[in-house]
PDB file of N, CA and C in Angstrom:
ATOM      1  N   UNK A   1     -16.826  75.815  54.216  1.00  0.00           N
ATOM      2  CA  UNK A   1     -16.744  75.491  52.793  1.00  0.00           C
ATOM      3  C   UNK A   1     -17.410  74.144  52.506  1.00  0.00           C
ATOM      4  N   UNK A   2     -17.930  74.015  51.333  1.00  0.00           N
ATOM      5  CA  UNK A   2     -18.514  72.737  50.919  1.00  0.00           C
ATOM      6  C   UNK A   2     -17.393  71.857  50.373  1.00  0.00           C
ATOM      7  N   UNK A   3     -17.386  70.611  50.813  1.00  0.00           N
ATOM      8  CA  UNK A   3     -16.336  69.677  50.412  1.00  0.00           C
ATOM      9  C   UNK A   3     -16.996  68.461  49.763  1.00  0.00           C
ATOM     10  N   UNK A   4     -16.484  68.073  48.622  1.00  0.00           N
ATOM     11  CA  UNK A   4     -16.998  66.917  47.898  1.00  0.00           C
ATOM     12  C   UNK A   4     -15.851  65.948  47.656  1.00  0.00           C
ATOM     13  N   UNK A   5     -16.180  64.664  47.627  1.00  0.00           N
ATOM     14  CA  UNK A   5     -15.157  63.641  47.371  1.00  0.00           C
ATOM     15  C   UNK A   5     -15.590  62.801  46.175  1.00  0.00           C
ATOM     16  N   UNK A   6     -14.726  62.702  45.201  1.00  0.00           N
ATOM     17  CA  UNK A   6     -14.969  61.853  44.033  1.00  0.00           C
ATOM     18  C   UNK A   6     -13.722  61.016  43.804  1.00  0.00           C
ATOM     19  N   UNK A   7     -13.897  59.713  43.694  1.00  0.00           N
ATOM     20  CA  UNK A   7     -12.770  58.838  43.383  1.00  0.00           C
ATOM     21  C   UNK A   7     -12.851  58.470  41.902  1.00  0.00           C
ATOM     22  N   UNK A   8     -12.178  59.258  41.070  1.00  0.00           N
ATOM     23  CA  UNK A   8     -12.191  59.029  39.621  1.00  0.00           C
ATOM     24  C   UNK A   8     -11.395  57.769  39.253  1.00  0.00           C
ATOM     25  N   UNK A   9     -10.578  57.261  40.163  1.00  0.00           N
ATOM     26  CA  UNK A   9      -9.625  56.204  39.836  1.00  0.00           C
ATOM     27  C   UNK A   9      -9.949  54.865  40.488  1.00  0.00           C
ATOM     28  N   UNK A  10     -11.189  54.662  40.913  1.00  0.00           N
ATOM     29  CA  UNK A  10     -11.594  53.404  41.537  1.00  0.00           C
ATOM     30  C   UNK A  10     -11.548  52.278  40.501  1.00  0.00           C
ATOM     31  N   UNK A  11     -11.049  51.123  40.917  1.00  0.00           N
ATOM     32  CA  UNK A  11     -10.897  49.981  40.018  1.00  0.00           C
ATOM     33  C   UNK A  11     -11.842  48.854  40.408  1.00  0.00           C
ATOM     34  N   UNK A  12     -12.243  48.049  39.408  1.00  0.00           N
ATOM     35  CA  UNK A  12     -13.052  46.872  39.699  1.00  0.00           C
ATOM     36  C   UNK A  12     -12.135  45.678  39.969  1.00  0.00           C
ATOM     37  N   UNK A  13     -12.726  44.497  40.093  1.00  0.00           N
ATOM     38  CA  UNK A  13     -11.934  43.312  40.422  1.00  0.00           C
ATOM     39  C   UNK A  13     -10.975  42.908  39.302  1.00  0.00           C
ATOM     40  N   UNK A  14     -11.185  43.443  38.092  1.00  0.00           N
ATOM     41  CA  UNK A  14     -10.296  43.163  36.957  1.00  0.00           C
ATOM     42  C   UNK A  14      -9.310  44.300  36.695  1.00  0.00           C
ATOM     43  N   UNK A  15      -9.178  45.195  37.672  1.00  0.00           N
ATOM     44  CA  UNK A  15      -8.298  46.367  37.569  1.00  0.00           C
ATOM     45  C   UNK A  15      -8.655  47.291  36.410  1.00  0.00           C
ATOM     46  N   UNK A  16      -9.943  47.361  36.088  1.00  0.00           N
ATOM     47  CA  UNK A  16     -10.448  48.300  35.082  1.00  0.00           C
ATOM     48  C   UNK A  16     -11.111  49.454  35.824  1.00  0.00           C
ATOM     49  N   UNK A  17     -10.990  50.659  35.282  1.00  0.00           N
ATOM     50  CA  UNK A  17     -11.605  51.815  35.924  1.00  0.00           C
ATOM     51  C   UNK A  17     -13.123  51.681  35.895  1.00  0.00           C
ATOM     52  N   UNK A  18     -13.772  51.982  37.041  1.00  0.00           N
ATOM     53  CA  UNK A  18     -15.226  51.936  37.119  1.00  0.00           C
ATOM     54  C   UNK A  18     -15.864  53.139  36.439  1.00  0.00           C
ATOM     55  N   UNK A  19     -15.184  54.278  36.477  1.00  0.00           N
ATOM     56  CA  UNK A  19     -15.737  55.501  35.918  1.00  0.00           C
ATOM     57  C   UNK A  19     -15.140  55.727  34.539  1.00  0.00           C
ATOM     58  N   UNK A  20     -15.971  55.979  33.514  1.00  0.00           N
ATOM     59  CA  UNK A  20     -15.442  56.134  32.164  1.00  0.00           C
ATOM     60  C   UNK A  20     -14.579  57.378  31.972  1.00  0.00           C
ATOM     61  N   UNK A  21     -14.820  58.414  32.782  1.00  0.00           N
ATOM     62  CA  UNK A  21     -13.989  59.619  32.707  1.00  0.00           C
ATOM     63  C   UNK A  21     -14.323  60.525  31.543  1.00  0.00           C
ATOM     64  N   UNK A  22     -13.393  61.394  31.241  1.00  0.00           N
ATOM     65  CA  UNK A  22     -13.494  62.356  30.144  1.00  0.00           C
ATOM     66  C   UNK A  22     -14.813  63.121  30.199  1.00  0.00           C
ATOM     67  N   UNK A  23     -15.642  63.041  29.174  1.00  0.00           N
ATOM     68  CA  UNK A  23     -16.876  63.820  29.111  1.00  0.00           C
ATOM     69  C   UNK A  23     -17.876  63.478  30.195  1.00  0.00           C
ATOM     70  N   UNK A  24     -17.799  62.265  30.739  1.00  0.00           N
ATOM     71  CA  UNK A  24     -18.735  61.882  31.796  1.00  0.00           C
ATOM     72  C   UNK A  24     -18.452  62.606  33.103  1.00  0.00           C
ATOM     73  N   UNK A  25     -17.258  63.143  33.262  1.00  0.00           N
ATOM     74  CA  UNK A  25     -16.936  63.872  34.491  1.00  0.00           C
ATOM     75  C   UNK A  25     -17.826  65.096  34.664  1.00  0.00           C
ATOM     76  N   UNK A  26     -18.290  65.680  33.569  1.00  0.00           N
ATOM     77  CA  UNK A  26     -19.120  66.884  33.664  1.00  0.00           C
ATOM     78  C   UNK A  26     -20.425  66.586  34.398  1.00  0.00           C
ATOM     79  N   UNK A  27     -20.914  65.351  34.328  1.00  0.00           N
ATOM     80  CA  UNK A  27     -22.158  65.017  35.037  1.00  0.00           C
ATOM     81  C   UNK A  27     -21.982  65.175  36.537  1.00  0.00           C
ATOM     82  N   UNK A  28     -20.853  64.737  37.060  1.00  0.00           N
ATOM     83  CA  UNK A  28     -20.580  64.864  38.495  1.00  0.00           C
ATOM     84  C   UNK A  28     -20.346  66.324  38.854  1.00  0.00           C
ATOM     85  N   UNK A  29     -19.582  67.030  38.043  1.00  0.00           N
ATOM     86  CA  UNK A  29     -19.329  68.449  38.314  1.00  0.00           C
ATOM     87  C   UNK A  29     -20.624  69.253  38.261  1.00  0.00           C
ATOM     88  N   UNK A  30     -21.522  68.926  37.330  1.00  0.00           N
ATOM     89  CA  UNK A  30     -22.827  69.587  37.253  1.00  0.00           C
ATOM     90  C   UNK A  30     -23.632  69.321  38.519  1.00  0.00           C
ATOM     91  N   UNK A  31     -23.608  68.075  39.018  1.00  0.00           N
ATOM     92  CA  UNK A  31     -24.326  67.748  40.252  1.00  0.00           C
ATOM     93  C   UNK A  31     -23.783  68.558  41.421  1.00  0.00           C
ATOM     94  N   UNK A  32     -22.458  68.676  41.511  1.00  0.00           N
ATOM     95  CA  UNK A  32     -21.836  69.445  42.594  1.00  0.00           C
ATOM     96  C   UNK A  32     -22.293  70.895  42.533  1.00  0.00           C
ATOM     97  N   UNK A  33     -22.308  71.477  41.357  1.00  0.00           N
ATOM     98  CA  UNK A  33     -22.742  72.875  41.212  1.00  0.00           C
ATOM     99  C   UNK A  33     -24.201  73.019  41.614  1.00  0.00           C
ATOM    100  N   UNK A  34     -25.055  72.084  41.177  1.00  0.00           N
ATOM    101  CA  UNK A  34     -26.471  72.156  41.558  1.00  0.00           C
ATOM    102  C   UNK A  34     -26.641  71.972  43.062  1.00  0.00           C
ATOM    103  N   UNK A  35     -25.840  71.125  43.676  1.00  0.00           N
ATOM    104  CA  UNK A  35     -25.906  70.924  45.135  1.00  0.00           C
ATOM    105  C   UNK A  35     -25.497  72.191  45.869  1.00  0.00           C
ATOM    106  N   UNK A  36     -24.427  72.845  45.415  1.00  0.00           N
ATOM    107  CA  UNK A  36     -23.969  74.094  46.037  1.00  0.00           C
ATOM    108  C   UNK A  36     -25.046  75.173  45.909  1.00  0.00           C
ATOM    109  N   UNK A  37     -25.821  75.127  44.818  1.00  0.00           N
ATOM    110  CA  UNK A  37     -26.895  76.098  44.605  1.00  0.00           C
ATOM    111  C   UNK A  37     -28.194  75.682  45.289  1.00  0.00           C
ATOM    112  N   UNK A  38     -28.112  74.714  46.201  1.00  0.00           N
ATOM    113  CA  UNK A  38     -29.240  74.262  47.030  1.00  0.00           C
ATOM    114  C   UNK A  38     -30.378  73.624  46.249  1.00  0.00           C
ATOM    115  N   UNK A  39     -30.093  73.068  45.081  1.00  0.00           N
ATOM    116  CA  UNK A  39     -31.122  72.313  44.377  1.00  0.00           C
ATOM    117  C   UNK A  39     -31.326  70.981  45.094  1.00  0.00           C
ATOM    118  N   UNK A  40     -32.524  70.429  44.971  1.00  0.00           N
ATOM    119  CA  UNK A  40     -32.873  69.181  45.653  1.00  0.00           C
ATOM    120  C   UNK A  40     -32.375  67.988  44.839  1.00  0.00           C
ATOM    121  N   UNK A  41     -31.076  67.709  44.909  1.00  0.00           N
ATOM    122  CA  UNK A  41     -30.466  66.637  44.119  1.00  0.00           C
ATOM    123  C   UNK A  41     -29.784  65.591  44.994  1.00  0.00           C
ATOM    124  N   UNK A  42     -29.979  65.661  46.317  1.00  0.00           N
ATOM    125  CA  UNK A  42     -29.271  64.749  47.219  1.00  0.00           C
ATOM    126  C   UNK A  42     -30.221  64.128  48.234  1.00  0.00           C
ATOM    127  N   UNK A  43     -29.904  62.906  48.610  1.00  0.00           N
ATOM    128  CA  UNK A  43     -30.597  62.204  49.686  1.00  0.00           C
ATOM    129  C   UNK A  43     -29.655  62.099  50.878  1.00  0.00           C
ATOM    130  N   UNK A  44     -30.223  62.164  52.078  1.00  0.00           N
ATOM    131  CA  UNK A  44     -29.435  62.034  53.302  1.00  0.00           C
ATOM    132  C   UNK A  44     -29.195  60.552  53.571  1.00  0.00           C
ATOM    133  N   UNK A  45     -27.959  60.216  53.923  1.00  0.00           N
ATOM    134  CA  UNK A  45     -27.606  58.842  54.283  1.00  0.00           C
ATOM    135  C   UNK A  45     -26.711  58.888  55.518  1.00  0.00           C
ATOM    136  N   UNK A  46     -26.437  57.752  56.138  1.00  0.00           N
ATOM    137  CA  UNK A  46     -25.548  57.745  57.306  1.00  0.00           C
ATOM    138  C   UNK A  46     -24.138  58.258  57.012  1.00  0.00           C
ATOM    139  N   UNK A  47     -23.708  58.204  55.752  1.00  0.00           N
ATOM    140  CA  UNK A  47     -22.358  58.668  55.405  1.00  0.00           C
ATOM    141  C   UNK A  47     -22.353  60.083  54.836  1.00  0.00           C
ATOM    142  N   UNK A  48     -23.520  60.712  54.766  1.00  0.00           N
ATOM    143  CA  UNK A  48     -23.602  62.076  54.234  1.00  0.00           C
ATOM    144  C   UNK A  48     -24.632  62.153  53.128  1.00  0.00           C
ATOM    145  N   UNK A  49     -24.499  63.158  52.283  1.00  0.00           N
ATOM    146  CA  UNK A  49     -25.438  63.350  51.187  1.00  0.00           C
ATOM    147  C   UNK A  49     -24.986  62.564  49.962  1.00  0.00           C
ATOM    148  N   UNK A  50     -25.931  61.839  49.373  1.00  0.00           N
ATOM    149  CA  UNK A  50     -25.658  61.057  48.170  1.00  0.00           C
ATOM    150  C   UNK A  50     -26.558  61.548  47.042  1.00  0.00           C
ATOM    151  N   UNK A  51     -26.120  61.442  45.805  1.00  0.00           N
ATOM    152  CA  UNK A  51     -26.958  61.882  44.684  1.00  0.00           C
ATOM    153  C   UNK A  51     -28.278  61.116  44.640  1.00  0.00           C
ATOM    154  N   UNK A  52     -29.370  61.862  44.389  1.00  0.00           N
ATOM    155  CA  UNK A  52     -30.659  61.215  44.190  1.00  0.00           C
ATOM    156  C   UNK A  52     -30.638  60.453  42.875  1.00  0.00           C
ATOM    157  N   UNK A  53     -31.443  59.413  42.815  1.00  0.00           N
ATOM    158  CA  UNK A  53     -31.532  58.622  41.586  1.00  0.00           C
ATOM    159  C   UNK A  53     -31.934  59.535  40.427  1.00  0.00           C
ATOM    160  N   UNK A  54     -31.183  59.477  39.359  1.00  0.00           N
ATOM    161  CA  UNK A  54     -31.472  60.280  38.180  1.00  0.00           C
ATOM    162  C   UNK A  54     -30.884  61.675  38.197  1.00  0.00           C
ATOM    163  N   UNK A  55     -30.208  62.058  39.287  1.00  0.00           N
ATOM    164  CA  UNK A  55     -29.673  63.425  39.359  1.00  0.00           C
ATOM    165  C   UNK A  55     -28.304  63.563  38.714  1.00  0.00           C
ATOM    166  N   UNK A  56     -27.660  62.444  38.413  1.00  0.00           N
ATOM    167  CA  UNK A  56     -26.363  62.500  37.714  1.00  0.00           C
ATOM    168  C   UNK A  56     -26.545  61.896  36.341  1.00  0.00           C
TER     169      UNK A  56
END
């Protein structure tokens, strides 16, 4: 199975959420769907596949 990790609740140094949430979540979900469909939207890194610039 394909496994993805998203931390929607990451905080900055002022304890404010880094991710705006709500409607912006669809951008990440869209990227995941495109990745599962083998679209070229990811770069290989030492920690795994990361979104290509402009793909989210």
